[in-house]
Amino acid sequence: MSARKWALLAGTAGCLAMVGCAPDYPDHYIVQIDPGFTPDQQEQVLEAVAQWNAALPVAESLGGTQPALSPIVGPCLLDELAPGTLCVMPEPGAPEGGEVEGKGGCDESGVGLVYLYPDAIPGSLSQAAAHELGHAMGLGHLAAGNVMCASPGCASLTVQAGDAAAWKAVRGR
């Protein structure tokens, strides 16, 4: 197991302190979806990516504009990922402690890591993926009614304006 994965899994209560995240959060991320998810699960992760893209401003690039998140399906080779990549991987079974649906954060090099427990998620995998992607982009927990609320019971099923406002605030906008 890579050092990145060990560091992430050492987080508590399913949420990670953003200590070690790159101080300059990018406006554009590559979201690498590990093929270990079933096709249905991949679709739900893609739905989470689409929710964030609908809520966030487009990123400016040399070739024009692009969505904030660009998804690809491919294996997450943790020691080879570049900063600005969010790697989404399945974890089999259920985590210790029971109520955690996933873990999201980033490491010291700016690579975002998202681990989801599809077998432990009673509801929508897309909701859990959207929440954990938010952590990997540098967001903490927000008030009830946002996808970034601390527990599934208070969280929105989709990315909301408050989530997008927090994304902008982290980036000084």
N, C-alpha and C. Protein backbone atom coordinates (compact mmCIF):
# COMPACT_ATOMS: atom_id res chain seq x y z
N MET A 1 0.85 -1.17 0.00
CA MET A 1 0.00 0.00 0.00
C MET A 1 0.90 1.23 0.00
N SER A 2 0.54 2.23 -0.80
CA SER A 2 1.40 3.40 -0.92
C SER A 2 1.34 4.27 0.33
N ALA A 3 2.34 5.12 0.47
CA ALA A 3 2.38 6.04 1.60
C ALA A 3 1.20 7.00 1.55
N ARG A 4 0.78 7.39 0.35
CA ARG A 4 -0.37 8.29 0.22
C ARG A 4 -1.62 7.65 0.80
N LYS A 5 -1.85 6.39 0.45
CA LYS A 5 -3.06 5.74 0.95
C LYS A 5 -3.00 5.59 2.45
N TRP A 6 -1.86 5.21 2.99
CA TRP A 6 -1.76 5.06 4.44
C TRP A 6 -2.03 6.38 5.14
N ALA A 7 -1.50 7.46 4.62
CA ALA A 7 -1.71 8.76 5.26
C ALA A 7 -3.18 9.14 5.23
N LEU A 8 -3.86 8.86 4.11
CA LEU A 8 -5.26 9.22 4.01
C LEU A 8 -6.11 8.38 4.94
N LEU A 9 -5.87 7.09 4.98
CA LEU A 9 -6.69 6.21 5.80
C LEU A 9 -6.47 6.44 7.29
N ALA A 10 -5.44 7.18 7.64
CA ALA A 10 -5.21 7.49 9.04
C ALA A 10 -6.13 8.59 9.54
N GLY A 11 -6.90 9.23 8.64
CA GLY A 11 -7.84 10.27 9.03
C GLY A 11 -8.89 9.73 9.97
N THR A 12 -9.55 10.61 10.69
CA THR A 12 -10.54 10.17 11.67
C THR A 12 -11.94 10.49 11.20
N ALA A 13 -12.87 9.65 11.60
CA ALA A 13 -14.30 9.86 11.37
C ALA A 13 -14.64 10.08 9.91
N GLY A 14 -13.84 9.58 9.01
CA GLY A 14 -14.17 9.67 7.60
C GLY A 14 -13.85 11.00 6.95
N CYS A 15 -13.44 11.96 7.72
CA CYS A 15 -13.12 13.27 7.17
C CYS A 15 -11.71 13.62 7.56
N LEU A 16 -11.03 14.23 6.65
CA LEU A 16 -9.61 14.50 6.88
C LEU A 16 -9.37 15.98 7.08
N ALA A 17 -8.47 16.26 7.97
CA ALA A 17 -8.02 17.65 8.08
C ALA A 17 -7.31 17.99 6.78
N MET A 18 -7.43 19.20 6.35
CA MET A 18 -6.83 19.58 5.09
C MET A 18 -5.36 19.93 5.25
N VAL A 19 -4.78 19.55 6.37
CA VAL A 19 -3.35 19.76 6.58
C VAL A 19 -2.59 19.01 5.50
N GLY A 20 -1.67 19.66 4.87
CA GLY A 20 -0.87 19.01 3.84
C GLY A 20 -1.39 19.27 2.44
N CYS A 21 -2.60 19.84 2.30
CA CYS A 21 -3.09 20.16 0.97
C CYS A 21 -2.27 21.30 0.38
N ALA A 22 -2.18 21.28 -0.93
CA ALA A 22 -1.46 22.35 -1.61
C ALA A 22 -2.11 23.69 -1.28
N PRO A 23 -1.33 24.71 -0.95
CA PRO A 23 -1.92 26.00 -0.58
C PRO A 23 -2.59 26.70 -1.75
N ASP A 24 -2.19 26.40 -2.97
CA ASP A 24 -2.79 27.02 -4.16
C ASP A 24 -3.72 26.00 -4.80
N TYR A 25 -5.00 26.13 -4.51
CA TYR A 25 -5.97 25.19 -5.06
C TYR A 25 -6.20 25.52 -6.53
N PRO A 26 -6.13 24.52 -7.40
CA PRO A 26 -6.33 24.78 -8.83
C PRO A 26 -7.80 25.03 -9.15
N ASP A 27 -8.04 25.61 -10.31
CA ASP A 27 -9.40 25.81 -10.81
C ASP A 27 -9.87 24.63 -11.65
N HIS A 28 -8.95 23.77 -12.03
CA HIS A 28 -9.30 22.62 -12.86
C HIS A 28 -8.63 21.37 -12.30
N TYR A 29 -9.39 20.29 -12.28
CA TYR A 29 -8.88 19.00 -11.81
C TYR A 29 -9.17 17.92 -12.84
N ILE A 30 -8.29 16.96 -12.91
CA ILE A 30 -8.55 15.71 -13.61
C ILE A 30 -9.09 14.76 -12.55
N VAL A 31 -10.26 14.18 -12.79
CA VAL A 31 -10.84 13.21 -11.85
C VAL A 31 -10.63 11.83 -12.45
N GLN A 32 -9.74 11.07 -11.86
CA GLN A 32 -9.44 9.73 -12.34
C GLN A 32 -10.27 8.74 -11.55
N ILE A 33 -11.18 8.05 -12.26
CA ILE A 33 -12.10 7.11 -11.63
C ILE A 33 -11.56 5.70 -11.84
N ASP A 34 -11.20 5.06 -10.75
CA ASP A 34 -10.59 3.73 -10.82
C ASP A 34 -11.57 2.72 -11.41
N PRO A 35 -11.11 1.84 -12.31
CA PRO A 35 -12.00 0.85 -12.92
C PRO A 35 -12.45 -0.25 -11.95
N GLY A 36 -12.05 -0.18 -10.68
CA GLY A 36 -12.52 -1.15 -9.69
C GLY A 36 -13.99 -0.96 -9.34
N PHE A 37 -14.57 0.19 -9.71
CA PHE A 37 -16.00 0.40 -9.53
C PHE A 37 -16.76 -0.38 -10.60
N THR A 38 -17.97 -0.82 -10.27
CA THR A 38 -18.84 -1.43 -11.29
C THR A 38 -19.25 -0.33 -12.27
N PRO A 39 -19.75 -0.69 -13.47
CA PRO A 39 -20.21 0.35 -14.40
C PRO A 39 -21.28 1.26 -13.78
N ASP A 40 -22.21 0.71 -13.01
CA ASP A 40 -23.23 1.53 -12.37
C ASP A 40 -22.61 2.49 -11.36
N GLN A 41 -21.64 2.01 -10.59
CA GLN A 41 -20.96 2.87 -9.62
C GLN A 41 -20.17 3.96 -10.33
N GLN A 42 -19.52 3.62 -11.45
CA GLN A 42 -18.79 4.64 -12.23
C GLN A 42 -19.75 5.73 -12.69
N GLU A 43 -20.94 5.34 -13.14
CA GLU A 43 -21.94 6.31 -13.58
C GLU A 43 -22.33 7.25 -12.43
N GLN A 44 -22.45 6.70 -11.23
CA GLN A 44 -22.81 7.54 -10.08
C GLN A 44 -21.68 8.50 -9.71
N VAL A 45 -20.43 8.06 -9.83
CA VAL A 45 -19.31 8.98 -9.60
C VAL A 45 -19.29 10.06 -10.68
N LEU A 46 -19.57 9.68 -11.92
CA LEU A 46 -19.64 10.67 -13.01
C LEU A 46 -20.78 11.67 -12.76
N GLU A 47 -21.87 11.21 -12.16
CA GLU A 47 -22.97 12.11 -11.81
C GLU A 47 -22.49 13.14 -10.78
N ALA A 48 -21.69 12.72 -9.81
CA ALA A 48 -21.14 13.66 -8.82
C ALA A 48 -20.24 14.68 -9.50
N VAL A 49 -19.43 14.25 -10.44
CA VAL A 49 -18.57 15.17 -11.20
C VAL A 49 -19.44 16.17 -11.97
N ALA A 50 -20.51 15.69 -12.59
CA ALA A 50 -21.41 16.57 -13.35
C ALA A 50 -22.07 17.60 -12.43
N GLN A 51 -22.42 17.19 -11.21
CA GLN A 51 -23.02 18.13 -10.27
C GLN A 51 -22.06 19.27 -9.94
N TRP A 52 -20.80 18.92 -9.63
CA TRP A 52 -19.82 19.97 -9.34
C TRP A 52 -19.62 20.86 -10.56
N ASN A 53 -19.53 20.26 -11.76
CA ASN A 53 -19.32 21.07 -12.97
C ASN A 53 -20.48 22.03 -13.21
N ALA A 54 -21.70 21.61 -12.91
CA ALA A 54 -22.85 22.48 -13.10
C ALA A 54 -22.83 23.66 -12.11
N ALA A 55 -22.23 23.46 -10.94
CA ALA A 55 -22.23 24.48 -9.89
C ALA A 55 -21.03 25.41 -9.94
N LEU A 56 -19.93 24.97 -10.55
CA LEU A 56 -18.68 25.73 -10.51
C LEU A 56 -18.43 26.49 -11.80
N PRO A 57 -17.66 27.57 -11.72
CA PRO A 57 -17.31 28.31 -12.94
C PRO A 57 -16.37 27.49 -13.81
N VAL A 58 -16.40 27.76 -15.11
CA VAL A 58 -15.47 27.08 -16.00
C VAL A 58 -14.08 27.62 -15.76
N ALA A 59 -13.09 26.78 -16.00
CA ALA A 59 -11.69 27.18 -15.81
C ALA A 59 -11.13 27.74 -17.11
N GLU A 60 -10.36 28.77 -17.00
CA GLU A 60 -9.70 29.35 -18.17
C GLU A 60 -8.43 28.56 -18.45
N SER A 61 -8.20 28.28 -19.72
CA SER A 61 -6.97 27.57 -20.09
C SER A 61 -6.45 28.19 -21.39
N LEU A 62 -5.30 27.74 -21.80
CA LEU A 62 -4.71 28.28 -23.03
C LEU A 62 -5.60 28.02 -24.24
N GLY A 63 -6.33 26.92 -24.23
CA GLY A 63 -7.19 26.58 -25.35
C GLY A 63 -8.61 27.11 -25.22
N GLY A 64 -8.88 27.96 -24.25
CA GLY A 64 -10.23 28.47 -24.04
C GLY A 64 -10.70 28.14 -22.64
N THR A 65 -11.91 27.61 -22.54
CA THR A 65 -12.45 27.25 -21.24
C THR A 65 -12.66 25.75 -21.16
N GLN A 66 -12.72 25.26 -19.94
CA GLN A 66 -12.97 23.84 -19.70
C GLN A 66 -13.72 23.72 -18.38
N PRO A 67 -14.43 22.61 -18.19
CA PRO A 67 -15.13 22.45 -16.92
C PRO A 67 -14.13 22.35 -15.76
N ALA A 68 -14.61 22.61 -14.56
CA ALA A 68 -13.74 22.55 -13.39
C ALA A 68 -13.18 21.15 -13.18
N LEU A 69 -13.97 20.13 -13.50
CA LEU A 69 -13.55 18.73 -13.32
C LEU A 69 -13.65 17.99 -14.65
N SER A 70 -12.57 17.34 -15.05
CA SER A 70 -12.57 16.52 -16.27
C SER A 70 -12.37 15.06 -15.88
N PRO A 71 -13.43 14.23 -16.03
CA PRO A 71 -13.30 12.84 -15.59
C PRO A 71 -12.68 11.93 -16.66
N ILE A 72 -11.91 10.96 -16.19
CA ILE A 72 -11.41 9.87 -17.02
C ILE A 72 -11.51 8.60 -16.18
N VAL A 73 -11.65 7.46 -16.84
CA VAL A 73 -11.65 6.18 -16.13
C VAL A 73 -10.31 5.53 -16.39
N GLY A 74 -9.62 5.17 -15.34
CA GLY A 74 -8.32 4.53 -15.46
C GLY A 74 -7.77 4.21 -14.09
N PRO A 75 -6.84 3.30 -14.02
CA PRO A 75 -6.30 2.92 -12.71
C PRO A 75 -5.58 4.07 -12.04
N CYS A 76 -5.76 4.17 -10.75
CA CYS A 76 -5.10 5.19 -9.96
C CYS A 76 -3.76 4.64 -9.47
N LEU A 77 -2.71 4.98 -10.16
CA LEU A 77 -1.37 4.59 -9.75
C LEU A 77 -0.87 5.69 -8.84
N LEU A 78 -1.10 5.51 -7.54
CA LEU A 78 -0.96 6.59 -6.57
C LEU A 78 0.38 7.29 -6.60
N ASP A 79 1.44 6.55 -6.83
CA ASP A 79 2.76 7.18 -6.79
C ASP A 79 3.12 7.89 -8.09
N GLU A 80 2.20 7.86 -9.08
CA GLU A 80 2.48 8.48 -10.37
C GLU A 80 1.52 9.62 -10.70
N LEU A 81 0.63 9.99 -9.80
CA LEU A 81 -0.36 11.02 -10.08
C LEU A 81 0.23 12.41 -9.93
N ALA A 82 -0.19 13.31 -10.80
CA ALA A 82 0.30 14.68 -10.79
C ALA A 82 -0.60 15.56 -9.92
N PRO A 83 -0.06 16.66 -9.38
CA PRO A 83 -0.91 17.61 -8.66
C PRO A 83 -2.08 18.05 -9.54
N GLY A 84 -3.23 18.27 -8.93
CA GLY A 84 -4.43 18.63 -9.69
C GLY A 84 -5.22 17.42 -10.15
N THR A 85 -4.79 16.23 -9.74
CA THR A 85 -5.53 15.01 -10.05
C THR A 85 -6.29 14.59 -8.81
N LEU A 86 -7.55 14.25 -8.99
CA LEU A 86 -8.37 13.68 -7.91
C LEU A 86 -8.60 12.22 -8.26
N CYS A 87 -8.10 11.34 -7.45
CA CYS A 87 -8.20 9.90 -7.70
C CYS A 87 -9.35 9.35 -6.87
N VAL A 88 -10.33 8.71 -7.52
CA VAL A 88 -11.50 8.15 -6.84
C VAL A 88 -11.42 6.64 -6.93
N MET A 89 -11.36 5.99 -5.76
CA MET A 89 -11.18 4.53 -5.71
C MET A 89 -12.20 3.88 -4.78
N PRO A 90 -12.61 2.65 -5.12
CA PRO A 90 -13.51 1.92 -4.22
C PRO A 90 -12.73 1.19 -3.13
N GLU A 91 -13.33 1.07 -1.98
CA GLU A 91 -12.79 0.26 -0.89
C GLU A 91 -13.83 -0.82 -0.61
N PRO A 92 -13.44 -2.07 -0.63
CA PRO A 92 -14.43 -3.14 -0.39
C PRO A 92 -14.88 -3.18 1.07
N GLY A 93 -16.08 -3.72 1.27
CA GLY A 93 -16.59 -3.91 2.62
C GLY A 93 -17.01 -2.62 3.26
N ALA A 94 -17.03 -2.63 4.57
CA ALA A 94 -17.43 -1.45 5.34
C ALA A 94 -16.25 -1.01 6.21
N PRO A 95 -16.11 0.29 6.42
CA PRO A 95 -15.01 0.78 7.25
C PRO A 95 -15.26 0.53 8.72
N GLU A 96 -14.20 0.58 9.50
CA GLU A 96 -14.35 0.50 10.95
C GLU A 96 -15.13 1.73 11.42
N GLY A 97 -15.99 1.54 12.38
CA GLY A 97 -16.77 2.65 12.90
C GLY A 97 -18.15 2.74 12.29
N GLY A 98 -18.37 2.09 11.16
CA GLY A 98 -19.71 1.93 10.62
C GLY A 98 -20.29 3.01 9.75
N GLU A 99 -20.41 4.24 10.19
CA GLU A 99 -21.21 5.21 9.48
C GLU A 99 -20.47 5.96 8.38
N VAL A 100 -19.21 5.71 8.19
CA VAL A 100 -18.43 6.41 7.18
C VAL A 100 -18.74 5.84 5.80
N GLU A 101 -19.01 6.73 4.84
CA GLU A 101 -19.29 6.30 3.47
C GLU A 101 -18.07 6.47 2.57
N GLY A 102 -17.11 7.24 3.03
CA GLY A 102 -15.92 7.47 2.22
C GLY A 102 -14.97 8.39 2.97
N LYS A 103 -13.82 8.59 2.36
CA LYS A 103 -12.82 9.51 2.89
C LYS A 103 -12.29 10.32 1.73
N GLY A 104 -12.08 11.59 1.97
CA GLY A 104 -11.55 12.44 0.92
C GLY A 104 -10.61 13.47 1.52
N GLY A 105 -9.58 13.78 0.81
CA GLY A 105 -8.61 14.77 1.24
C GLY A 105 -7.54 14.89 0.18
N CYS A 106 -6.43 15.46 0.54
CA CYS A 106 -5.34 15.55 -0.42
C CYS A 106 -4.02 15.41 0.33
N ASP A 107 -3.02 15.06 -0.43
CA ASP A 107 -1.72 14.88 0.20
C ASP A 107 -0.85 16.11 -0.01
N GLU A 108 0.35 16.04 0.49
CA GLU A 108 1.25 17.20 0.47
C GLU A 108 1.63 17.65 -0.93
N SER A 109 1.46 16.80 -1.94
CA SER A 109 1.82 17.18 -3.31
C SER A 109 0.65 17.78 -4.08
N GLY A 110 -0.54 17.84 -3.46
CA GLY A 110 -1.71 18.41 -4.13
C GLY A 110 -2.53 17.40 -4.89
N VAL A 111 -2.27 16.10 -4.69
CA VAL A 111 -3.09 15.06 -5.30
C VAL A 111 -4.27 14.79 -4.38
N GLY A 112 -5.48 14.86 -4.93
CA GLY A 112 -6.67 14.57 -4.16
C GLY A 112 -6.96 13.09 -4.16
N LEU A 113 -7.32 12.57 -3.00
CA LEU A 113 -7.61 11.14 -2.87
C LEU A 113 -9.01 10.97 -2.31
N VAL A 114 -9.81 10.14 -2.96
CA VAL A 114 -11.17 9.85 -2.53
C VAL A 114 -11.33 8.34 -2.48
N TYR A 115 -11.68 7.84 -1.31
CA TYR A 115 -11.97 6.42 -1.14
C TYR A 115 -13.44 6.29 -0.76
N LEU A 116 -14.19 5.52 -1.53
CA LEU A 116 -15.61 5.30 -1.27
C LEU A 116 -15.85 3.85 -0.89
N TYR A 117 -16.81 3.63 -0.02
CA TYR A 117 -17.19 2.29 0.42
C TYR A 117 -18.56 1.96 -0.17
N PRO A 118 -18.64 1.53 -1.44
CA PRO A 118 -19.94 1.30 -2.07
C PRO A 118 -20.81 0.31 -1.32
N ASP A 119 -20.22 -0.70 -0.69
CA ASP A 119 -21.00 -1.71 0.04
C ASP A 119 -21.62 -1.15 1.31
N ALA A 120 -21.11 -0.04 1.81
CA ALA A 120 -21.57 0.53 3.07
C ALA A 120 -22.50 1.72 2.88
N ILE A 121 -22.76 2.09 1.63
CA ILE A 121 -23.57 3.28 1.37
C ILE A 121 -25.01 2.87 1.15
N PRO A 122 -25.90 3.23 2.09
CA PRO A 122 -27.29 2.84 1.95
C PRO A 122 -28.03 3.63 0.88
N GLY A 123 -27.59 4.82 0.62
CA GLY A 123 -28.30 5.68 -0.33
C GLY A 123 -27.52 5.85 -1.61
N SER A 124 -27.31 7.09 -1.97
CA SER A 124 -26.73 7.44 -3.25
C SER A 124 -25.20 7.49 -3.20
N LEU A 125 -24.58 6.71 -4.05
CA LEU A 125 -23.12 6.78 -4.17
C LEU A 125 -22.73 8.15 -4.73
N SER A 126 -23.58 8.73 -5.59
CA SER A 126 -23.23 10.03 -6.16
C SER A 126 -23.18 11.10 -5.07
N GLN A 127 -24.05 11.03 -4.06
CA GLN A 127 -24.01 11.99 -2.96
C GLN A 127 -22.70 11.85 -2.17
N ALA A 128 -22.34 10.62 -1.84
CA ALA A 128 -21.09 10.39 -1.10
C ALA A 128 -19.89 10.82 -1.93
N ALA A 129 -19.91 10.52 -3.23
CA ALA A 129 -18.80 10.92 -4.10
C ALA A 129 -18.69 12.43 -4.19
N ALA A 130 -19.82 13.13 -4.33
CA ALA A 130 -19.79 14.60 -4.40
C ALA A 130 -19.22 15.18 -3.11
N HIS A 131 -19.62 14.63 -1.98
CA HIS A 131 -19.13 15.11 -0.68
C HIS A 131 -17.62 14.91 -0.57
N GLU A 132 -17.16 13.71 -0.87
CA GLU A 132 -15.73 13.41 -0.73
C GLU A 132 -14.89 14.14 -1.77
N LEU A 133 -15.42 14.35 -2.97
CA LEU A 133 -14.71 15.18 -3.96
C LEU A 133 -14.53 16.59 -3.42
N GLY A 134 -15.54 17.10 -2.71
CA GLY A 134 -15.41 18.43 -2.09
C GLY A 134 -14.24 18.48 -1.13
N HIS A 135 -14.10 17.44 -0.29
CA HIS A 135 -12.95 17.41 0.62
C HIS A 135 -11.64 17.39 -0.16
N ALA A 136 -11.59 16.61 -1.23
CA ALA A 136 -10.36 16.50 -2.01
C ALA A 136 -10.01 17.81 -2.71
N MET A 137 -11.02 18.69 -2.91
CA MET A 137 -10.77 20.00 -3.50
C MET A 137 -10.52 21.07 -2.43
N GLY A 138 -10.43 20.65 -1.16
CA GLY A 138 -10.05 21.56 -0.09
C GLY A 138 -11.19 22.06 0.77
N LEU A 139 -12.39 21.55 0.60
CA LEU A 139 -13.53 22.03 1.38
C LEU A 139 -13.69 21.27 2.68
N GLY A 140 -14.13 21.98 3.69
CA GLY A 140 -14.50 21.36 4.96
C GLY A 140 -16.00 21.15 5.00
N HIS A 141 -16.52 20.89 6.17
CA HIS A 141 -17.97 20.68 6.31
C HIS A 141 -18.70 22.01 6.35
N LEU A 142 -19.91 22.00 5.81
CA LEU A 142 -20.77 23.18 5.75
C LEU A 142 -22.07 22.92 6.48
N ALA A 143 -22.92 23.91 6.52
CA ALA A 143 -24.22 23.82 7.20
C ALA A 143 -25.16 22.85 6.50
N ALA A 144 -26.20 22.47 7.20
CA ALA A 144 -27.23 21.59 6.64
C ALA A 144 -27.76 22.16 5.33
N GLY A 145 -28.14 21.28 4.43
CA GLY A 145 -28.67 21.69 3.14
C GLY A 145 -27.64 21.75 2.04
N ASN A 146 -26.38 21.55 2.37
CA ASN A 146 -25.30 21.50 1.39
C ASN A 146 -24.79 20.07 1.29
N VAL A 147 -24.25 19.69 0.15
CA VAL A 147 -23.70 18.34 0.02
C VAL A 147 -22.51 18.15 0.96
N MET A 148 -21.87 19.26 1.37
CA MET A 148 -20.71 19.20 2.26
C MET A 148 -21.10 19.21 3.74
N CYS A 149 -22.38 19.02 4.07
CA CYS A 149 -22.80 18.89 5.47
C CYS A 149 -22.12 17.66 6.07
N ALA A 150 -21.88 17.68 7.38
CA ALA A 150 -21.06 16.65 8.03
C ALA A 150 -21.64 15.25 8.02
N SER A 151 -22.95 15.09 7.93
CA SER A 151 -23.50 13.73 7.94
C SER A 151 -24.53 13.59 6.83
N PRO A 152 -24.71 12.38 6.31
CA PRO A 152 -25.66 12.18 5.21
C PRO A 152 -27.08 12.65 5.57
N GLY A 153 -27.45 12.61 6.85
CA GLY A 153 -28.79 13.01 7.25
C GLY A 153 -29.07 14.49 7.05
N CYS A 154 -28.04 15.33 7.09
CA CYS A 154 -28.26 16.77 6.92
C CYS A 154 -27.80 17.26 5.55
N ALA A 155 -27.16 16.39 4.79
CA ALA A 155 -26.58 16.80 3.52
C ALA A 155 -27.61 16.76 2.40
N SER A 156 -27.47 17.70 1.49
CA SER A 156 -28.26 17.69 0.27
C SER A 156 -27.84 16.50 -0.58
N LEU A 157 -28.73 16.04 -1.43
CA LEU A 157 -28.38 14.95 -2.34
C LEU A 157 -27.51 15.42 -3.49
N THR A 158 -27.47 16.73 -3.71
CA THR A 158 -26.71 17.28 -4.82
C THR A 158 -25.90 18.50 -4.37
N VAL A 159 -24.94 18.90 -5.18
CA VAL A 159 -24.12 20.08 -4.92
C VAL A 159 -25.03 21.31 -4.98
N GLN A 160 -24.89 22.19 -4.00
CA GLN A 160 -25.72 23.38 -3.88
C GLN A 160 -24.89 24.65 -4.04
N ALA A 161 -25.59 25.79 -4.08
CA ALA A 161 -24.91 27.09 -4.22
C ALA A 161 -23.95 27.34 -3.06
N GLY A 162 -24.29 26.90 -1.85
CA GLY A 162 -23.40 27.07 -0.71
C GLY A 162 -22.11 26.29 -0.86
N ASP A 163 -22.19 25.11 -1.47
CA ASP A 163 -20.98 24.31 -1.74
C ASP A 163 -20.08 25.05 -2.73
N ALA A 164 -20.70 25.59 -3.79
CA ALA A 164 -19.92 26.32 -4.80
C ALA A 164 -19.31 27.59 -4.20
N ALA A 165 -20.06 28.27 -3.33
CA ALA A 165 -19.52 29.47 -2.68
C ALA A 165 -18.32 29.13 -1.81
N ALA A 166 -18.37 27.99 -1.11
CA ALA A 166 -17.22 27.57 -0.29
C ALA A 166 -16.02 27.26 -1.17
N TRP A 167 -16.25 26.62 -2.33
CA TRP A 167 -15.18 26.32 -3.29
C TRP A 167 -14.50 27.62 -3.72
N LYS A 168 -15.30 28.63 -4.02
CA LYS A 168 -14.74 29.93 -4.44
C LYS A 168 -14.00 30.58 -3.28
N ALA A 169 -14.55 30.51 -2.07
CA ALA A 169 -13.92 31.15 -0.92
C ALA A 169 -12.55 30.55 -0.61
N VAL A 170 -12.42 29.24 -0.74
CA VAL A 170 -11.14 28.58 -0.51
C VAL A 170 -10.09 29.12 -1.49
N ARG A 171 -10.55 29.53 -2.65
CA ARG A 171 -9.65 30.04 -3.68
C ARG A 171 -9.54 31.57 -3.65
N GLY A 172 -10.08 32.21 -2.61
CA GLY A 172 -9.95 33.65 -2.44
C GLY A 172 -10.82 34.48 -3.37
N ARG A 173 -11.97 33.93 -3.75
CA ARG A 173 -12.87 34.68 -4.65
C ARG A 173 -14.12 35.10 -3.96
